[in-house]
Amino acid sequence: MGAGDEGLPIGSEMLRSLVHADGLVSVLDGDNGSLLGAAVLGRAGAGSAYSYLAATAPGEVERGLGMLLKHHQRQWCLERGIGWMRWTFDPLVGRNARFNLTKLGAVADRYEPEFYGVMSDQINGTDPADRLVARWRLDDPGRRPDDHQEPPEPPADAGGHSGGLARQPGGGVVGPDGHAAYVIAGRERWVRVPTDVVALRRSDPTQASAWRGQVREWFTDALADGLVATGVTRAGWYHLVPKETR
């Protein structure tokens, strides 16, 4: 997400307005007044909320601050009778996707092509900014806030969805890096994304753009068939299952 004149993705005037409209702005302060993280939440209809921003400062990713921010939002919502939260995220950034789906327990059930158009910044590059929509049930009685289950890796001998694309023997459809990236096994599917698409957008924007196009195609295909993404493996594979099982 880019930054405005204040060096922030959302200006202070807008943040004040969101709080005035009964929204929530959360910050994590470090030593010497440094900002370690921030999150912005607004209401989005009866019983639901929309998270506009949740981010930690560079170098602070591994401290669990993102989880702290999201569960602060969750507690705030539950105290006000809000049972669902939605937000969007870049489908190619596997680390964020794993946090949202595997660790928090949200599901991704919509794909929005060119949601922000072309953002032209250091994170999003110059390619159209597609987004997945995360939907998080906040009052799930079968899941503790700090509990998560690892999704399965794709079976090595599964087939793929051809769509005119080349296949890697025994491993599904080949991605832009020459390795299997789309696998189907029965009613389940797996979609792999690059290890670090932000770095790839700087070093090889053509390949990064090819990833976006193929991931868009695979997700559009899977979601149209009634599947939702419920987790991301450590190796960067989204796991998609039938919606009725969620």
Protein backbone atom coordinates (compact mmCIF):
# COMPACT_ATOMS: atom_id res chain seq x y z
CA MET A 1 0.00 0.00 0.00
CA GLY A 2 1.38 3.41 -0.94
CA ALA A 3 1.84 6.46 1.26
CA GLY A 4 0.47 10.00 1.18
CA ASP A 5 2.06 13.32 2.09
CA GLU A 6 2.30 12.30 5.76
CA GLY A 7 4.15 9.10 4.86
CA LEU A 8 1.08 7.06 5.80
CA PRO A 9 -1.24 4.94 3.65
CA ILE A 10 -4.28 6.60 5.29
CA GLY A 11 -4.17 10.29 6.23
CA SER A 12 -4.80 11.49 9.78
CA GLU A 13 -7.97 13.34 8.69
CA MET A 14 -9.49 10.09 7.40
CA LEU A 15 -8.45 8.21 10.54
CA ARG A 16 -10.19 10.80 12.70
CA SER A 17 -13.33 10.50 10.56
CA LEU A 18 -13.33 6.70 10.84
CA VAL A 19 -13.12 6.88 14.64
CA HIS A 20 -15.88 9.50 14.68
CA ALA A 21 -18.02 7.07 12.64
CA ASP A 22 -17.60 4.47 15.42
CA GLY A 23 -14.61 2.74 13.85
CA LEU A 24 -11.36 1.65 15.47
CA VAL A 25 -7.78 2.82 14.99
CA SER A 26 -5.18 0.78 16.88
CA VAL A 27 -1.45 1.53 17.24
CA LEU A 28 1.48 -0.27 18.84
CA ASP A 29 4.09 2.08 20.27
CA GLY A 30 7.73 1.12 20.68
CA ASP A 31 10.58 2.68 22.58
CA ASN A 32 11.20 6.40 22.04
CA GLY A 33 7.74 6.83 20.54
CA SER A 34 8.42 4.67 17.49
CA LEU A 35 5.44 3.14 15.70
CA LEU A 36 5.62 -0.66 15.60
CA GLY A 37 2.26 -1.39 14.04
CA ALA A 38 -1.20 -0.04 13.25
CA ALA A 39 -4.64 -1.30 12.27
CA VAL A 40 -7.75 0.48 11.01
CA LEU A 41 -11.27 -0.96 11.20
CA GLY A 42 -14.68 0.32 10.15
CA ARG A 43 -18.23 -0.95 10.30
CA ALA A 44 -19.61 -2.68 7.21
CA GLY A 45 -23.30 -3.39 7.65
CA ALA A 46 -25.22 -5.27 10.31
CA GLY A 47 -22.99 -7.61 12.28
CA SER A 48 -19.87 -7.10 10.17
CA ALA A 49 -16.74 -4.95 10.00
CA TYR A 50 -14.16 -4.09 7.36
CA SER A 51 -10.44 -3.95 8.09
CA TYR A 52 -8.79 -1.25 5.97
CA LEU A 53 -5.28 -1.73 7.26
CA ALA A 54 -3.23 -3.96 9.55
CA ALA A 55 0.54 -3.65 9.28
CA THR A 56 3.76 -3.78 11.25
CA ALA A 57 6.90 -1.74 10.80
CA PRO A 58 9.78 -3.15 8.70
CA GLY A 59 11.85 -5.57 10.74
CA GLU A 60 9.04 -6.27 13.20
CA VAL A 61 7.23 -8.99 11.24
CA GLU A 62 8.41 -11.95 13.33
CA ARG A 63 7.35 -10.57 16.72
CA GLY A 64 3.69 -11.57 16.51
CA LEU A 65 2.50 -7.96 16.41
CA GLY A 66 0.18 -8.59 13.48
CA MET A 67 -1.63 -11.27 15.47
CA LEU A 68 -1.90 -8.90 18.42
CA LEU A 69 -3.47 -6.21 16.23
CA LYS A 70 -5.97 -8.55 14.58
CA HIS A 71 -7.11 -10.05 17.86
CA HIS A 72 -7.48 -6.58 19.35
CA GLN A 73 -9.80 -5.82 16.42
CA ARG A 74 -11.59 -9.12 17.00
CA GLN A 75 -12.20 -8.41 20.70
CA TRP A 76 -13.46 -4.90 19.91
CA CYS A 77 -15.91 -6.36 17.39
CA LEU A 78 -17.20 -9.09 19.69
CA GLU A 79 -17.88 -6.54 22.45
CA ARG A 80 -20.16 -4.76 19.97
CA GLY A 81 -21.98 -7.78 18.63
CA ILE A 82 -20.00 -7.92 15.38
CA GLY A 83 -19.43 -11.51 14.25
CA TRP A 84 -17.66 -11.14 10.89
CA MET A 85 -14.72 -9.19 9.50
CA ARG A 86 -13.66 -8.73 5.87
CA TRP A 87 -10.58 -7.29 4.18
CA THR A 88 -8.59 -7.67 0.97
CA PHE A 89 -5.02 -8.82 0.44
CA ASP A 90 -2.62 -9.45 -2.44
CA PRO A 91 -3.04 -13.10 -3.49
CA LEU A 92 0.61 -13.32 -4.56
CA VAL A 93 2.08 -12.38 -1.17
CA GLY A 94 2.17 -15.86 0.35
CA ARG A 95 3.37 -14.75 3.80
CA ASN A 96 0.35 -12.48 4.28
CA ALA A 97 -2.00 -15.10 2.84
CA ARG A 98 -0.68 -17.72 5.27
CA PHE A 99 -1.19 -15.32 8.18
CA ASN A 100 -4.75 -14.49 7.12
CA LEU A 101 -5.96 -17.99 6.29
CA THR A 102 -3.84 -20.52 8.19
CA LYS A 103 -3.08 -18.61 11.37
CA LEU A 104 -6.18 -16.44 11.80
CA GLY A 105 -8.60 -18.92 10.29
CA ALA A 106 -10.20 -16.64 7.70
CA VAL A 107 -11.28 -17.98 4.31
CA ALA A 108 -10.88 -16.36 0.88
CA ASP A 109 -14.06 -16.69 -1.14
CA ARG A 110 -13.85 -13.88 -3.73
CA TYR A 111 -11.22 -12.77 -6.23
CA GLU A 112 -11.26 -9.11 -7.34
CA PRO A 113 -9.25 -8.45 -10.55
CA GLU A 114 -7.62 -5.00 -10.69
CA PHE A 115 -9.20 -4.02 -7.38
CA TYR A 116 -6.92 -0.97 -7.07
CA GLY A 117 -6.05 -0.63 -10.74
CA VAL A 118 -2.28 -0.08 -11.15
CA MET A 119 -0.73 1.17 -7.91
CA SER A 120 2.86 1.72 -9.16
CA ASP A 121 4.70 1.50 -5.85
CA GLN A 122 7.62 -0.53 -4.47
CA ILE A 123 5.39 -3.26 -3.07
CA ASN A 124 2.79 -3.68 -5.83
CA GLY A 125 5.02 -2.95 -8.83
CA THR A 126 3.37 -1.70 -12.01
CA ASP A 127 1.02 -4.63 -12.62
CA PRO A 128 -2.75 -4.46 -11.96
CA ALA A 129 -3.39 -4.90 -8.23
CA ASP A 130 -5.63 -7.97 -7.93
CA ARG A 131 -6.99 -8.81 -4.48
CA LEU A 132 -8.47 -11.77 -2.64
CA VAL A 133 -11.27 -11.05 -0.16
CA ALA A 134 -10.80 -12.59 3.29
CA ARG A 135 -13.84 -13.40 5.44
CA TRP A 136 -13.16 -14.07 9.13
CA ARG A 137 -15.76 -15.50 11.51
CA LEU A 138 -14.97 -13.88 14.85
CA ASP A 139 -17.21 -15.96 17.11
CA ASP A 140 -16.32 -19.43 15.83
CA PRO A 141 -17.04 -21.74 18.80
CA GLY A 142 -14.86 -24.52 17.38
CA ARG A 143 -11.66 -22.50 17.19
CA ARG A 144 -9.57 -20.73 19.81
CA PRO A 145 -8.10 -17.36 18.75
CA ASP A 146 -4.54 -18.69 19.00
CA ASP A 147 -5.19 -22.11 17.44
CA HIS A 148 -4.50 -23.10 13.83
CA GLN A 149 -4.19 -26.28 11.82
CA GLU A 150 -1.64 -26.75 9.08
CA PRO A 151 -3.26 -27.36 5.68
CA PRO A 152 -2.09 -30.40 3.71
CA GLU A 153 0.52 -30.11 0.99
CA PRO A 154 -0.69 -31.20 -2.48
CA PRO A 155 -0.32 -34.89 -3.32
CA ALA A 156 2.73 -35.42 -5.50
CA ASP A 157 0.91 -37.74 -7.90
CA ALA A 158 -2.19 -35.58 -8.46
CA GLY A 159 -3.29 -34.30 -11.84
CA GLY A 160 -3.80 -30.70 -12.83
CA HIS A 161 -6.27 -28.56 -14.67
CA SER A 162 -4.93 -28.21 -18.18
CA GLY A 163 -6.54 -25.08 -19.60
CA GLY A 164 -4.04 -25.28 -22.43
CA LEU A 165 -1.13 -24.98 -20.00
CA ALA A 166 1.94 -27.20 -19.82
CA ARG A 167 2.15 -29.81 -17.11
CA GLN A 168 5.00 -31.09 -15.01
CA PRO A 169 4.79 -34.90 -14.97
CA GLY A 170 2.95 -36.11 -11.87
CA GLY A 171 2.68 -32.63 -10.38
CA GLY A 172 -0.08 -30.60 -12.00
CA VAL A 173 0.09 -27.45 -14.09
CA VAL A 174 3.45 -25.70 -14.42
CA GLY A 175 3.81 -22.14 -13.19
CA PRO A 176 5.98 -19.32 -14.61
CA ASP A 177 9.02 -20.71 -12.75
CA GLY A 178 8.74 -24.11 -14.47
CA HIS A 179 7.47 -26.02 -11.43
CA ALA A 180 4.03 -27.37 -10.56
CA ALA A 181 1.74 -24.58 -9.38
CA TYR A 182 -1.87 -25.78 -9.83
CA VAL A 183 -2.97 -29.20 -8.63
CA ILE A 184 -6.38 -30.90 -8.48
CA ALA A 185 -7.12 -33.98 -6.38
CA GLY A 186 -10.80 -34.91 -6.27
CA ARG A 187 -12.75 -31.90 -4.98
CA GLU A 188 -9.67 -30.21 -3.53
CA ARG A 189 -7.24 -27.89 -5.30
CA TRP A 190 -3.91 -26.25 -4.57
CA VAL A 191 -2.51 -23.02 -6.03
CA ARG A 192 1.15 -22.11 -5.43
CA VAL A 193 2.49 -18.54 -5.37
CA PRO A 194 6.10 -17.25 -5.53
CA THR A 195 8.24 -17.29 -2.39
CA ASP A 196 8.78 -13.51 -2.49
CA VAL A 197 6.72 -11.75 -5.14
CA VAL A 198 7.73 -8.29 -3.89
CA ALA A 199 11.38 -9.04 -4.69
CA LEU A 200 10.35 -10.72 -7.95
CA ARG A 201 8.48 -7.61 -9.05
CA ARG A 202 11.75 -5.72 -8.79
CA SER A 203 14.05 -8.34 -10.32
CA ASP A 204 11.77 -9.82 -13.00
CA PRO A 205 8.51 -7.88 -13.46
CA THR A 206 7.61 -9.93 -16.53
CA GLN A 207 7.59 -13.18 -14.55
CA ALA A 208 5.76 -11.49 -11.67
CA SER A 209 3.08 -10.36 -14.11
CA ALA A 210 2.83 -13.88 -15.51
CA TRP A 211 2.25 -15.18 -11.97
CA ARG A 212 -0.53 -12.69 -11.43
CA GLY A 213 -2.26 -13.73 -14.66
CA GLN A 214 -2.07 -17.44 -13.94
CA VAL A 215 -3.05 -17.18 -10.27
CA ARG A 216 -6.00 -15.04 -11.32
CA GLU A 217 -7.09 -17.70 -13.82
CA TRP A 218 -6.73 -20.58 -11.36
CA PHE A 219 -8.54 -18.82 -8.53
CA THR A 220 -11.35 -17.62 -10.78
CA ASP A 221 -11.76 -21.18 -12.03
CA ALA A 222 -11.74 -22.72 -8.53
CA LEU A 223 -14.05 -20.18 -6.91
CA ALA A 224 -16.52 -20.49 -9.78
CA ASP A 225 -16.64 -24.23 -9.00
CA GLY A 226 -17.74 -23.50 -5.43
CA LEU A 227 -14.38 -23.76 -3.65
CA VAL A 228 -12.87 -21.43 -1.06
CA ALA A 229 -9.26 -21.03 0.10
CA THR A 230 -8.90 -22.11 3.72
CA GLY A 231 -5.15 -22.17 4.30
CA VAL A 232 -1.66 -21.73 2.88
CA THR A 233 1.06 -24.31 3.45
CA ARG A 234 4.61 -23.50 4.54
CA ALA A 235 5.71 -24.15 0.95
CA GLY A 236 3.34 -21.49 -0.39
CA TRP A 237 0.40 -23.60 -1.61
CA TYR A 238 -3.15 -22.29 -1.13
CA HIS A 239 -5.49 -25.14 -0.19
CA LEU A 240 -9.02 -24.83 -1.62
CA VAL A 241 -11.97 -26.99 -0.52
CA PRO A 242 -15.72 -27.05 -1.31
CA LYS A 243 -17.53 -24.13 0.28
CA GLU A 244 -20.14 -26.36 1.88
CA THR A 245 -17.47 -27.98 4.07
CA ARG A 246 -16.73 -24.64 5.74
